[in-house]
Amino acid sequence: MKNYESDIVVAKILDEYTLVLNKGSNDGIKKEQQFLIYELSENDIVDPITKENLGKLEIIKGKGIVTHLQDKICTIHSSNYQTSLIAKMSLLGGASTSQNNTLPFNNAKIGDLAKPL
């Protein structure tokens, strides 16, 4: 497996739930592998007490899982979920169940960074 973690980026946006990354099986990516999609803040964060430069903040766009794998690219689908409680009424009394709704990536852009989870 090659060292690919430092240069994985979003290469194409298929829709708000599906992204193409610029790495594939030739780079060691595996099907069902999970990735964090993020961008870096423009300004560095500075510790207010020590004045040490702490680096840039990772602004999270979402998480995704590899659903399609090719030699040089992979497709990921959002794995961000919101759980909602649904009440069902019956003749014998009320019941409830939960439902997971897939959330889109948050304003993902071509060039956003990705790292494996």
PDB file of N, CA and C in Angstrom:
ATOM      1  N   MET A   1       0.843  -1.185   0.000  1.00  0.00           N
ATOM      2  CA  MET A   1       0.000   0.000   0.000  1.00  0.00           C
ATOM      3  C   MET A   1       0.884   1.242   0.000  1.00  0.00           C
ATOM      4  N   LYS A   2       0.539   2.180  -0.828  1.00  0.00           N
ATOM      5  CA  LYS A   2       1.301   3.416  -0.935  1.00  0.00           C
ATOM      6  C   LYS A   2       0.886   4.391   0.152  1.00  0.00           C
ATOM      7  N   ASN A   3       1.748   5.360   0.431  1.00  0.00           N
ATOM      8  CA  ASN A   3       1.384   6.421   1.370  1.00  0.00           C
ATOM      9  C   ASN A   3       0.607   7.477   0.608  1.00  0.00           C
ATOM     10  N   TYR A   4      -0.703   7.469   0.770  1.00  0.00           N
ATOM     11  CA  TYR A   4      -1.572   8.345  -0.004  1.00  0.00           C
ATOM     12  C   TYR A   4      -2.265   9.392   0.843  1.00  0.00           C
ATOM     13  N   GLU A   5      -2.145   9.300   2.147  1.00  0.00           N
ATOM     14  CA  GLU A   5      -3.004  10.081   3.032  1.00  0.00           C
ATOM     15  C   GLU A   5      -2.826  11.583   2.931  1.00  0.00           C
ATOM     16  N   SER A   6      -1.689  12.069   2.479  1.00  0.00           N
ATOM     17  CA  SER A   6      -1.448  13.512   2.509  1.00  0.00           C
ATOM     18  C   SER A   6      -2.012  14.253   1.310  1.00  0.00           C
ATOM     19  N   ASP A   7      -2.445  13.532   0.297  1.00  0.00           N
ATOM     20  CA  ASP A   7      -2.868  14.235  -0.915  1.00  0.00           C
ATOM     21  C   ASP A   7      -4.164  13.698  -1.510  1.00  0.00           C
ATOM     22  N   ILE A   8      -5.082  13.271  -0.657  1.00  0.00           N
ATOM     23  CA  ILE A   8      -6.391  12.826  -1.144  1.00  0.00           C
ATOM     24  C   ILE A   8      -7.306  14.040  -1.184  1.00  0.00           C
ATOM     25  N   VAL A   9      -7.906  14.281  -2.346  1.00  0.00           N
ATOM     26  CA  VAL A   9      -8.803  15.428  -2.490  1.00  0.00           C
ATOM     27  C   VAL A   9     -10.058  15.032  -3.265  1.00  0.00           C
ATOM     28  N   VAL A  10     -11.080  15.858  -3.123  1.00  0.00           N
ATOM     29  CA  VAL A  10     -12.305  15.692  -3.903  1.00  0.00           C
ATOM     30  C   VAL A  10     -12.002  16.120  -5.336  1.00  0.00           C
ATOM     31  N   ALA A  11     -12.206  15.206  -6.284  1.00  0.00           N
ATOM     32  CA  ALA A  11     -11.929  15.482  -7.694  1.00  0.00           C
ATOM     33  C   ALA A  11     -13.185  15.872  -8.463  1.00  0.00           C
ATOM     34  N   LYS A  12     -14.339  15.396  -7.998  1.00  0.00           N
ATOM     35  CA  LYS A  12     -15.602  15.694  -8.683  1.00  0.00           C
ATOM     36  C   LYS A  12     -16.746  15.528  -7.691  1.00  0.00           C
ATOM     37  N   ILE A  13     -17.772  16.350  -7.866  1.00  0.00           N
ATOM     38  CA  ILE A  13     -18.985  16.248  -7.059  1.00  0.00           C
ATOM     39  C   ILE A  13     -20.090  15.724  -7.966  1.00  0.00           C
ATOM     40  N   LEU A  14     -20.580  14.526  -7.669  1.00  0.00           N
ATOM     41  CA  LEU A  14     -21.653  13.949  -8.481  1.00  0.00           C
ATOM     42  C   LEU A  14     -23.011  14.491  -8.050  1.00  0.00           C
ATOM     43  N   ASP A  15     -23.216  14.599  -6.756  1.00  0.00           N
ATOM     44  CA  ASP A  15     -24.406  15.233  -6.186  1.00  0.00           C
ATOM     45  C   ASP A  15     -24.084  15.544  -4.730  1.00  0.00           C
ATOM     46  N   GLU A  16     -25.034  16.061  -3.975  1.00  0.00           N
ATOM     47  CA  GLU A  16     -24.733  16.500  -2.608  1.00  0.00           C
ATOM     48  C   GLU A  16     -24.424  15.343  -1.659  1.00  0.00           C
ATOM     49  N   TYR A  17     -24.670  14.111  -2.104  1.00  0.00           N
ATOM     50  CA  TYR A  17     -24.405  12.925  -1.294  1.00  0.00           C
ATOM     51  C   TYR A  17     -23.224  12.100  -1.797  1.00  0.00           C
ATOM     52  N   THR A  18     -22.719  12.382  -2.998  1.00  0.00           N
ATOM     53  CA  THR A  18     -21.747  11.508  -3.647  1.00  0.00           C
ATOM     54  C   THR A  18     -20.575  12.305  -4.212  1.00  0.00           C
ATOM     55  N   LEU A  19     -19.357  11.898  -3.827  1.00  0.00           N
ATOM     56  CA  LEU A  19     -18.135  12.577  -4.251  1.00  0.00           C
ATOM     57  C   LEU A  19     -17.175  11.575  -4.882  1.00  0.00           C
ATOM     58  N   VAL A  20     -16.316  12.066  -5.770  1.00  0.00           N
ATOM     59  CA  VAL A  20     -15.244  11.257  -6.346  1.00  0.00           C
ATOM     60  C   VAL A  20     -13.932  11.772  -5.773  1.00  0.00           C
ATOM     61  N   LEU A  21     -13.122  10.848  -5.238  1.00  0.00           N
ATOM     62  CA  LEU A  21     -11.798  11.191  -4.716  1.00  0.00           C
ATOM     63  C   LEU A  21     -10.737  10.810  -5.740  1.00  0.00           C
ATOM     64  N   ASN A  22      -9.594  11.461  -5.667  1.00  0.00           N
ATOM     65  CA  ASN A  22      -8.526  11.287  -6.657  1.00  0.00           C
ATOM     66  C   ASN A  22      -7.603  10.106  -6.377  1.00  0.00           C
ATOM     67  N   LYS A  23      -8.026   9.170  -5.580  1.00  0.00           N
ATOM     68  CA  LYS A  23      -7.232   7.969  -5.288  1.00  0.00           C
ATOM     69  C   LYS A  23      -8.116   6.742  -5.445  1.00  0.00           C
ATOM     70  N   GLY A  24      -7.476   5.623  -5.813  1.00  0.00           N
ATOM     71  CA  GLY A  24      -8.224   4.392  -6.015  1.00  0.00           C
ATOM     72  C   GLY A  24      -7.469   3.181  -5.516  1.00  0.00           C
ATOM     73  N   SER A  25      -7.797   2.017  -6.073  1.00  0.00           N
ATOM     74  CA  SER A  25      -7.199   0.769  -5.605  1.00  0.00           C
ATOM     75  C   SER A  25      -5.685   0.734  -5.816  1.00  0.00           C
ATOM     76  N   ASN A  26      -5.177   1.403  -6.851  1.00  0.00           N
ATOM     77  CA  ASN A  26      -3.722   1.466  -7.057  1.00  0.00           C
ATOM     78  C   ASN A  26      -3.016   2.175  -5.905  1.00  0.00           C
ATOM     79  N   ASP A  27      -3.755   2.975  -5.144  1.00  0.00           N
ATOM     80  CA  ASP A  27      -3.191   3.747  -4.031  1.00  0.00           C
ATOM     81  C   ASP A  27      -3.482   3.106  -2.677  1.00  0.00           C
ATOM     82  N   GLY A  28      -4.079   1.927  -2.678  1.00  0.00           N
ATOM     83  CA  GLY A  28      -4.361   1.235  -1.427  1.00  0.00           C
ATOM     84  C   GLY A  28      -5.744   1.486  -0.854  1.00  0.00           C
ATOM     85  N   ILE A  29      -6.583   2.208  -1.571  1.00  0.00           N
ATOM     86  CA  ILE A  29      -7.948   2.453  -1.107  1.00  0.00           C
ATOM     87  C   ILE A  29      -8.733   1.145  -1.206  1.00  0.00           C
ATOM     88  N   LYS A  30      -9.602   0.897  -0.228  1.00  0.00           N
ATOM     89  CA  LYS A  30     -10.411  -0.320  -0.180  1.00  0.00           C
ATOM     90  C   LYS A  30     -11.893   0.026  -0.238  1.00  0.00           C
ATOM     91  N   LYS A  31     -12.692  -0.876  -0.800  1.00  0.00           N
ATOM     92  CA  LYS A  31     -14.143  -0.699  -0.815  1.00  0.00           C
ATOM     93  C   LYS A  31     -14.646  -0.707   0.629  1.00  0.00           C
ATOM     94  N   GLU A  32     -15.603   0.137   0.918  1.00  0.00           N
ATOM     95  CA  GLU A  32     -16.217   0.339   2.231  1.00  0.00           C
ATOM     96  C   GLU A  32     -15.290   1.054   3.221  1.00  0.00           C
ATOM     97  N   GLN A  33     -14.149   1.554   2.754  1.00  0.00           N
ATOM     98  CA  GLN A  33     -13.282   2.362   3.604  1.00  0.00           C
ATOM     99  C   GLN A  33     -13.977   3.692   3.868  1.00  0.00           C
ATOM    100  N   GLN A  34     -13.790   4.239   5.069  1.00  0.00           N
ATOM    101  CA  GLN A  34     -14.442   5.497   5.428  1.00  0.00           C
ATOM    102  C   GLN A  34     -13.458   6.654   5.369  1.00  0.00           C
ATOM    103  N   PHE A  35     -13.968   7.817   4.948  1.00  0.00           N
ATOM    104  CA  PHE A  35     -13.162   9.026   4.839  1.00  0.00           C
ATOM    105  C   PHE A  35     -13.856  10.200   5.497  1.00  0.00           C
ATOM    106  N   LEU A  36     -13.051  11.090   6.037  1.00  0.00           N
ATOM    107  CA  LEU A  36     -13.513  12.378   6.541  1.00  0.00           C
ATOM    108  C   LEU A  36     -13.206  13.412   5.467  1.00  0.00           C
ATOM    109  N   ILE A  37     -14.199  14.206   5.091  1.00  0.00           N
ATOM    110  CA  ILE A  37     -14.021  15.268   4.096  1.00  0.00           C
ATOM    111  C   ILE A  37     -13.966  16.589   4.850  1.00  0.00           C
ATOM    112  N   TYR A  38     -12.955  17.415   4.529  1.00  0.00           N
ATOM    113  CA  TYR A  38     -12.769  18.660   5.271  1.00  0.00           C
ATOM    114  C   TYR A  38     -12.009  19.679   4.433  1.00  0.00           C
ATOM    115  N   GLU A  39     -12.026  20.913   4.903  1.00  0.00           N
ATOM    116  CA  GLU A  39     -11.146  21.948   4.356  1.00  0.00           C
ATOM    117  C   GLU A  39     -10.417  22.578   5.527  1.00  0.00           C
ATOM    118  N   LEU A  40      -9.310  23.234   5.243  1.00  0.00           N
ATOM    119  CA  LEU A  40      -8.541  23.902   6.291  1.00  0.00           C
ATOM    120  C   LEU A  40      -8.933  25.367   6.369  1.00  0.00           C
ATOM    121  N   SER A  41      -8.967  25.884   7.599  1.00  0.00           N
ATOM    122  CA  SER A  41      -9.283  27.300   7.794  1.00  0.00           C
ATOM    123  C   SER A  41      -8.213  28.159   7.134  1.00  0.00           C
ATOM    124  N   GLU A  42      -8.589  29.373   6.772  1.00  0.00           N
ATOM    125  CA  GLU A  42      -7.628  30.287   6.142  1.00  0.00           C
ATOM    126  C   GLU A  42      -6.529  30.699   7.110  1.00  0.00           C
ATOM    127  N   ASN A  43      -6.897  30.932   8.363  1.00  0.00           N
ATOM    128  CA  ASN A  43      -5.943  31.426   9.356  1.00  0.00           C
ATOM    129  C   ASN A  43      -5.562  30.342  10.349  1.00  0.00           C
ATOM    130  N   ASP A  44      -4.333  30.418  10.829  1.00  0.00           N
ATOM    131  CA  ASP A  44      -3.874  29.508  11.868  1.00  0.00           C
ATOM    132  C   ASP A  44      -4.551  29.840  13.191  1.00  0.00           C
ATOM    133  N   ILE A  45      -4.681  28.824  14.032  1.00  0.00           N
ATOM    134  CA  ILE A  45      -5.187  29.000  15.389  1.00  0.00           C
ATOM    135  C   ILE A  45      -3.971  29.215  16.291  1.00  0.00           C
ATOM    136  N   VAL A  46      -4.040  30.234  17.137  1.00  0.00           N
ATOM    137  CA  VAL A  46      -2.942  30.557  18.048  1.00  0.00           C
ATOM    138  C   VAL A  46      -3.429  30.367  19.476  1.00  0.00           C
ATOM    139  N   ASP A  47      -2.640  29.632  20.273  1.00  0.00           N
ATOM    140  CA  ASP A  47      -2.978  29.429  21.681  1.00  0.00           C
ATOM    141  C   ASP A  47      -2.967  30.782  22.385  1.00  0.00           C
ATOM    142  N   PRO A  48      -4.074  31.185  23.025  1.00  0.00           N
ATOM    143  CA  PRO A  48      -4.138  32.511  23.641  1.00  0.00           C
ATOM    144  C   PRO A  48      -3.217  32.669  24.852  1.00  0.00           C
ATOM    145  N   ILE A  49      -2.805  31.566  25.446  1.00  0.00           N
ATOM    146  CA  ILE A  49      -1.935  31.654  26.623  1.00  0.00           C
ATOM    147  C   ILE A  49      -0.466  31.607  26.228  1.00  0.00           C
ATOM    148  N   THR A  50      -0.089  30.590  25.455  1.00  0.00           N
ATOM    149  CA  THR A  50       1.330  30.407  25.120  1.00  0.00           C
ATOM    150  C   THR A  50       1.738  31.112  23.835  1.00  0.00           C
ATOM    151  N   LYS A  51       0.739  31.550  23.061  1.00  0.00           N
ATOM    152  CA  LYS A  51       0.969  32.186  21.754  1.00  0.00           C
ATOM    153  C   LYS A  51       1.556  31.220  20.726  1.00  0.00           C
ATOM    154  N   GLU A  52       1.546  29.927  21.049  1.00  0.00           N
ATOM    155  CA  GLU A  52       2.039  28.914  20.118  1.00  0.00           C
ATOM    156  C   GLU A  52       1.078  28.791  18.937  1.00  0.00           C
ATOM    157  N   ASN A  53       1.642  28.663  17.743  1.00  0.00           N
ATOM    158  CA  ASN A  53       0.835  28.433  16.550  1.00  0.00           C
ATOM    159  C   ASN A  53       0.378  26.978  16.570  1.00  0.00           C
ATOM    160  N   LEU A  54      -0.942  26.774  16.611  1.00  0.00           N
ATOM    161  CA  LEU A  54      -1.512  25.433  16.701  1.00  0.00           C
ATOM    162  C   LEU A  54      -1.892  24.861  15.339  1.00  0.00           C
ATOM    163  N   GLY A  55      -1.709  25.635  14.296  1.00  0.00           N
ATOM    164  CA  GLY A  55      -2.029  25.163  12.954  1.00  0.00           C
ATOM    165  C   GLY A  55      -3.424  25.565  12.524  1.00  0.00           C
ATOM    166  N   LYS A  56      -3.837  25.034  11.410  1.00  0.00           N
ATOM    167  CA  LYS A  56      -5.139  25.380  10.837  1.00  0.00           C
ATOM    168  C   LYS A  56      -6.228  24.463  11.394  1.00  0.00           C
ATOM    169  N   LEU A  57      -7.431  24.987  11.469  1.00  0.00           N
ATOM    170  CA  LEU A  57      -8.590  24.234  11.919  1.00  0.00           C
ATOM    171  C   LEU A  57      -9.143  23.418  10.759  1.00  0.00           C
ATOM    172  N   GLU A  58      -9.462  22.149  11.015  1.00  0.00           N
ATOM    173  CA  GLU A  58     -10.129  21.323  10.014  1.00  0.00           C
ATOM    174  C   GLU A  58     -11.629  21.608  10.077  1.00  0.00           C
ATOM    175  N   ILE A  59     -12.189  22.130   8.997  1.00  0.00           N
ATOM    176  CA  ILE A  59     -13.617  22.429   8.916  1.00  0.00           C
ATOM    177  C   ILE A  59     -14.284  21.226   8.255  1.00  0.00           C
ATOM    178  N   ILE A  60     -15.061  20.496   9.040  1.00  0.00           N
ATOM    179  CA  ILE A  60     -15.617  19.220   8.610  1.00  0.00           C
ATOM    180  C   ILE A  60     -16.776  19.419   7.635  1.00  0.00           C
ATOM    181  N   LYS A  61     -16.708  18.682   6.520  1.00  0.00           N
ATOM    182  CA  LYS A  61     -17.777  18.693   5.515  1.00  0.00           C
ATOM    183  C   LYS A  61     -18.651  17.447   5.624  1.00  0.00           C
ATOM    184  N   GLY A  62     -18.111  16.393   6.239  1.00  0.00           N
ATOM    185  CA  GLY A  62     -18.876  15.161   6.418  1.00  0.00           C
ATOM    186  C   GLY A  62     -18.002  13.931   6.323  1.00  0.00           C
ATOM    187  N   LYS A  63     -18.648  12.784   6.483  1.00  0.00           N
ATOM    188  CA  LYS A  63     -17.982  11.490   6.373  1.00  0.00           C
ATOM    189  C   LYS A  63     -18.593  10.733   5.211  1.00  0.00           C
ATOM    190  N   GLY A  64     -17.774   9.903   4.575  1.00  0.00           N
ATOM    191  CA  GLY A  64     -18.269   9.105   3.466  1.00  0.00           C
ATOM    192  C   GLY A  64     -17.636   7.731   3.448  1.00  0.00           C
ATOM    193  N   ILE A  65     -18.300   6.814   2.769  1.00  0.00           N
ATOM    194  CA  ILE A  65     -17.820   5.444   2.648  1.00  0.00           C
ATOM    195  C   ILE A  65     -17.644   5.121   1.163  1.00  0.00           C
ATOM    196  N   VAL A  66     -16.558   4.397   0.852  1.00  0.00           N
ATOM    197  CA  VAL A  66     -16.275   4.039  -0.540  1.00  0.00           C
ATOM    198  C   VAL A  66     -17.326   3.040  -1.022  1.00  0.00           C
ATOM    199  N   THR A  67     -18.055   3.427  -2.068  1.00  0.00           N
ATOM    200  CA  THR A  67     -19.089   2.565  -2.642  1.00  0.00           C
ATOM    201  C   THR A  67     -18.693   2.021  -4.009  1.00  0.00           C
ATOM    202  N   HIS A  68     -17.743   2.675  -4.670  1.00  0.00           N
ATOM    203  CA  HIS A  68     -17.264   2.204  -5.974  1.00  0.00           C
ATOM    204  C   HIS A  68     -15.773   2.496  -6.058  1.00  0.00           C
ATOM    205  N   LEU A  69     -15.032   1.507  -6.527  1.00  0.00           N
ATOM    206  CA  LEU A  69     -13.579   1.610  -6.536  1.00  0.00           C
ATOM    207  C   LEU A  69     -13.048   1.330  -7.934  1.00  0.00           C
ATOM    208  N   GLN A  70     -12.189   2.227  -8.411  1.00  0.00           N
ATOM    209  CA  GLN A  70     -11.481   2.046  -9.675  1.00  0.00           C
ATOM    210  C   GLN A  70      -9.988   2.158  -9.393  1.00  0.00           C
ATOM    211  N   ASP A  71      -9.165   1.928 -10.412  1.00  0.00           N
ATOM    212  CA  ASP A  71      -7.718   1.946 -10.211  1.00  0.00           C
ATOM    213  C   ASP A  71      -7.216   3.274  -9.655  1.00  0.00           C
ATOM    214  N   LYS A  72      -7.692   4.392 -10.212  1.00  0.00           N
ATOM    215  CA  LYS A  72      -7.137   5.697  -9.859  1.00  0.00           C
ATOM    216  C   LYS A  72      -8.117   6.620  -9.143  1.00  0.00           C
ATOM    217  N   ILE A  73      -9.365   6.229  -9.018  1.00  0.00           N
ATOM    218  CA  ILE A  73     -10.373   7.049  -8.339  1.00  0.00           C
ATOM    219  C   ILE A  73     -11.307   6.150  -7.535  1.00  0.00           C
ATOM    220  N   CYS A  74     -12.024   6.774  -6.620  1.00  0.00           N
ATOM    221  CA  CYS A  74     -13.072   6.055  -5.904  1.00  0.00           C
ATOM    222  C   CYS A  74     -14.251   6.998  -5.690  1.00  0.00           C
ATOM    223  N   THR A  75     -15.416   6.401  -5.540  1.00  0.00           N
ATOM    224  CA  THR A  75     -16.637   7.152  -5.278  1.00  0.00           C
ATOM    225  C   THR A  75     -17.035   6.903  -3.836  1.00  0.00           C
ATOM    226  N   ILE A  76     -17.340   7.982  -3.116  1.00  0.00           N
ATOM    227  CA  ILE A  76     -17.811   7.828  -1.743  1.00  0.00           C
ATOM    228  C   ILE A  76     -19.216   8.404  -1.631  1.00  0.00           C
ATOM    229  N   HIS A  77     -19.995   7.794  -0.747  1.00  0.00           N
ATOM    230  CA  HIS A  77     -21.361   8.248  -0.481  1.00  0.00           C
ATOM    231  C   HIS A  77     -21.420   8.693   0.972  1.00  0.00           C
ATOM    232  N   SER A  78     -22.164   9.748   1.231  1.00  0.00           N
ATOM    233  CA  SER A  78     -22.272  10.286   2.584  1.00  0.00           C
ATOM    234  C   SER A  78     -22.690   9.200   3.568  1.00  0.00           C
ATOM    235  N   SER A  79     -21.998   9.152   4.691  1.00  0.00           N
ATOM    236  CA  SER A  79     -22.372   8.240   5.774  1.00  0.00           C
ATOM    237  C   SER A  79     -22.784   9.040   7.008  1.00  0.00           C
ATOM    238  N   ASN A  80     -23.198  10.280   6.778  1.00  0.00           N
ATOM    239  CA  ASN A  80     -23.724  11.120   7.858  1.00  0.00           C
ATOM    240  C   ASN A  80     -25.219  10.851   7.979  1.00  0.00           C
ATOM    241  N   TYR A  81     -25.661  10.570   9.187  1.00  0.00           N
ATOM    242  CA  TYR A  81     -27.067  10.249   9.397  1.00  0.00           C
ATOM    243  C   TYR A  81     -27.667  11.105  10.492  1.00  0.00           C
ATOM    244  N   GLN A  82     -28.958  11.352  10.353  1.00  0.00           N
ATOM    245  CA  GLN A  82     -29.738  11.987  11.401  1.00  0.00           C
ATOM    246  C   GLN A  82     -30.823  10.985  11.761  1.00  0.00           C
ATOM    247  N   THR A  83     -30.913  10.656  13.027  1.00  0.00           N
ATOM    248  CA  THR A  83     -31.914   9.702  13.466  1.00  0.00           C
ATOM    249  C   THR A  83     -33.155  10.450  13.914  1.00  0.00           C
ATOM    250  N   SER A  84     -34.290  10.038  13.372  1.00  0.00           N
ATOM    251  CA  SER A  84     -35.549  10.653  13.781  1.00  0.00           C
ATOM    252  C   SER A  84     -36.443   9.581  14.384  1.00  0.00           C
ATOM    253  N   LEU A  85     -37.215   9.974  15.367  1.00  0.00           N
ATOM    254  CA  LEU A  85     -38.125   9.070  16.046  1.00  0.00           C
ATOM    255  C   LEU A  85     -39.489   9.180  15.387  1.00  0.00           C
ATOM    256  N   ILE A  86     -40.028   8.052  14.992  1.00  0.00           N
ATOM    257  CA  ILE A  86     -41.327   8.026  14.326  1.00  0.00           C
ATOM    258  C   ILE A  86     -42.308   7.292  15.230  1.00  0.00           C
ATOM    259  N   ALA A  87     -43.404   7.939  15.544  1.00  0.00           N
ATOM    260  CA  ALA A  87     -44.435   7.305  16.366  1.00  0.00           C
ATOM    261  C   ALA A  87     -45.441   6.617  15.460  1.00  0.00           C
ATOM    262  N   LYS A  88     -45.749   5.377  15.787  1.00  0.00           N
ATOM    263  CA  LYS A  88     -46.757   4.626  15.046  1.00  0.00           C
ATOM    264  C   LYS A  88     -47.907   4.339  16.004  1.00  0.00           C
ATOM    265  N   MET A  89     -49.088   4.613  15.552  1.00  0.00           N
ATOM    266  CA  MET A  89     -50.258   4.364  16.381  1.00  0.00           C
ATOM    267  C   MET A  89     -50.906   3.053  15.933  1.00  0.00           C
ATOM    268  N   SER A  90     -51.324   2.267  16.897  1.00  0.00           N
ATOM    269  CA  SER A  90     -52.024   1.026  16.588  1.00  0.00           C
ATOM    270  C   SER A  90     -53.245   0.914  17.480  1.00  0.00           C
ATOM    271  N   LEU A  91     -54.066  -0.082  17.218  1.00  0.00           N
ATOM    272  CA  LEU A  91     -55.263  -0.286  18.027  1.00  0.00           C
ATOM    273  C   LEU A  91     -54.912  -0.639  19.463  1.00  0.00           C
ATOM    274  N   LEU A  92     -53.771  -1.277  19.670  1.00  0.00           N
ATOM    275  CA  LEU A  92     -53.389  -1.727  21.003  1.00  0.00           C
ATOM    276  C   LEU A  92     -52.567  -0.700  21.766  1.00  0.00           C
ATOM    277  N   GLY A  93     -52.234   0.383  21.161  1.00  0.00           N
ATOM    278  CA  GLY A  93     -51.433   1.396  21.840  1.00  0.00           C
ATOM    279  C   GLY A  93     -50.388   1.961  20.905  1.00  0.00           C
ATOM    280  N   GLY A  94     -49.699   2.949  21.372  1.00  0.00           N
ATOM    281  CA  GLY A  94     -48.695   3.612  20.551  1.00  0.00           C
ATOM    282  C   GLY A  94     -47.386   2.850  20.546  1.00  0.00           C
ATOM    283  N   ALA A  95     -46.660   2.985  19.494  1.00  0.00           N
ATOM    284  CA  ALA A  95     -45.329   2.401  19.382  1.00  0.00           C
ATOM    285  C   ALA A  95     -44.447   3.407  18.659  1.00  0.00           C
ATOM    286  N   SER A  96     -43.168   3.296  18.865  1.00  0.00           N
ATOM    287  CA  SER A  96     -42.262   4.207  18.171  1.00  0.00           C
ATOM    288  C   SER A  96     -41.099   3.420  17.596  1.00  0.00           C
ATOM    289  N   THR A  97     -40.516   3.968  16.581  1.00  0.00           N
ATOM    290  CA  THR A  97     -39.351   3.368  15.951  1.00  0.00           C
ATOM    291  C   THR A  97     -38.446   4.502  15.490  1.00  0.00           C
ATOM    292  N   SER A  98     -37.187   4.206  15.274  1.00  0.00           N
ATOM    293  CA  SER A  98     -36.282   5.251  14.794  1.00  0.00           C
ATOM    294  C   SER A  98     -35.944   4.994  13.329  1.00  0.00           C
ATOM    295  N   GLN A  99     -35.652   6.073  12.625  1.00  0.00           N
ATOM    296  CA  GLN A  99     -35.320   5.990  11.204  1.00  0.00           C
ATOM    297  C   GLN A  99     -34.089   6.845  10.956  1.00  0.00           C
ATOM    298  N   ASN A 100     -33.124   6.284  10.220  1.00  0.00           N
ATOM    299  CA  ASN A 100     -31.923   7.031   9.866  1.00  0.00           C
ATOM    300  C   ASN A 100     -32.117   7.708   8.520  1.00  0.00           C
ATOM    301  N   ASN A 101     -31.899   9.007   8.472  1.00  0.00           N
ATOM    302  CA  ASN A 101     -31.966   9.768   7.228  1.00  0.00           C
ATOM    303  C   ASN A 101     -30.555  10.188   6.851  1.00  0.00           C
ATOM    304  N   THR A 102     -30.142   9.881   5.622  1.00  0.00           N
ATOM    305  CA  THR A 102     -28.809  10.263   5.161  1.00  0.00           C
ATOM    306  C   THR A 102     -28.750  11.770   4.976  1.00  0.00           C
ATOM    307  N   LEU A 103     -27.700  12.381   5.511  1.00  0.00           N
ATOM    308  CA  LEU A 103     -27.481  13.818   5.360  1.00  0.00           C
ATOM    309  C   LEU A 103     -26.470  14.058   4.241  1.00  0.00           C
ATOM    310  N   PRO A 104     -26.610  15.145   3.500  1.00  0.00           N
ATOM    311  CA  PRO A 104     -25.640  15.455   2.441  1.00  0.00           C
ATOM    312  C   PRO A 104     -24.326  15.952   3.042  1.00  0.00           C
ATOM    313  N   PHE A 105     -23.279  15.950   2.219  1.00  0.00           N
ATOM    314  CA  PHE A 105     -22.041  16.607   2.622  1.00  0.00           C
ATOM    315  C   PHE A 105     -22.336  18.094   2.783  1.00  0.00           C
ATOM    316  N   ASN A 106     -21.649  18.743   3.699  1.00  0.00           N
ATOM    317  CA  ASN A 106     -21.885  20.153   4.006  1.00  0.00           C
ATOM    318  C   ASN A 106     -21.027  21.046   3.109  1.00  0.00           C
ATOM    319  N   ASN A 107     -21.594  21.488   1.989  1.00  0.00           N
ATOM    320  CA  ASN A 107     -20.927  22.433   1.095  1.00  0.00           C
ATOM    321  C   ASN A 107     -19.565  21.928   0.595  1.00  0.00           C
ATOM    322  N   ALA A 108     -19.518  20.654   0.194  1.00  0.00           N
ATOM    323  CA  ALA A 108     -18.273  20.086  -0.336  1.00  0.00           C
ATOM    324  C   ALA A 108     -17.905  20.777  -1.645  1.00  0.00           C
ATOM    325  N   LYS A 109     -16.578  20.927  -1.856  1.00  0.00           N
ATOM    326  CA  LYS A 109     -16.069  21.580  -3.063  1.00  0.00           C
ATOM    327  C   LYS A 109     -14.936  20.743  -3.652  1.00  0.00           C
ATOM    328  N   ILE A 110     -14.736  20.869  -4.954  1.00  0.00           N
ATOM    329  CA  ILE A 110     -13.580  20.237  -5.580  1.00  0.00           C
ATOM    330  C   ILE A 110     -12.326  20.812  -4.923  1.00  0.00           C
ATOM    331  N   GLY A 111     -11.417  19.925  -4.545  1.00  0.00           N
ATOM    332  CA  GLY A 111     -10.197  20.343  -3.864  1.00  0.00           C
ATOM    333  C   GLY A 111     -10.255  20.181  -2.356  1.00  0.00           C
ATOM    334  N   ASP A 112     -11.458  19.936  -1.791  1.00  0.00           N
ATOM    335  CA  ASP A 112     -11.535  19.654  -0.356  1.00  0.00           C
ATOM    336  C   ASP A 112     -10.681  18.434  -0.051  1.00  0.00           C
ATOM    337  N   LEU A 113     -10.151  18.379   1.149  1.00  0.00           N
ATOM    338  CA  LEU A 113      -9.260  17.301   1.559  1.00  0.00           C
ATOM    339  C   LEU A 113     -10.047  16.115   2.095  1.00  0.00           C
ATOM    340  N   ALA A 114      -9.418  14.937   2.059  1.00  0.00           N
ATOM    341  CA  ALA A 114     -10.022  13.728   2.607  1.00  0.00           C
ATOM    342  C   ALA A 114      -8.945  12.957   3.355  1.00  0.00           C
ATOM    343  N   LYS A 115      -9.354  12.341   4.459  1.00  0.00           N
ATOM    344  CA  LYS A 115      -8.423  11.463   5.165  1.00  0.00           C
ATOM    345  C   LYS A 115      -9.178  10.247   5.673  1.00  0.00           C
ATOM    346  N   PRO A 116      -8.501   9.096   5.682  1.00  0.00           N
ATOM    347  CA  PRO A 116      -9.163   7.870   6.130  1.00  0.00           C
ATOM    348  C   PRO A 116      -9.464   7.916   7.618  1.00  0.00           C
ATOM    349  N   LEU A 117     -10.556   7.278   7.987  1.00  0.00           N
ATOM    350  CA  LEU A 117     -10.937   7.177   9.402  1.00  0.00           C
ATOM    351  C   LEU A 117     -10.598   5.800   9.928  1.00  0.00           C
TER     352      LEU A 117
END
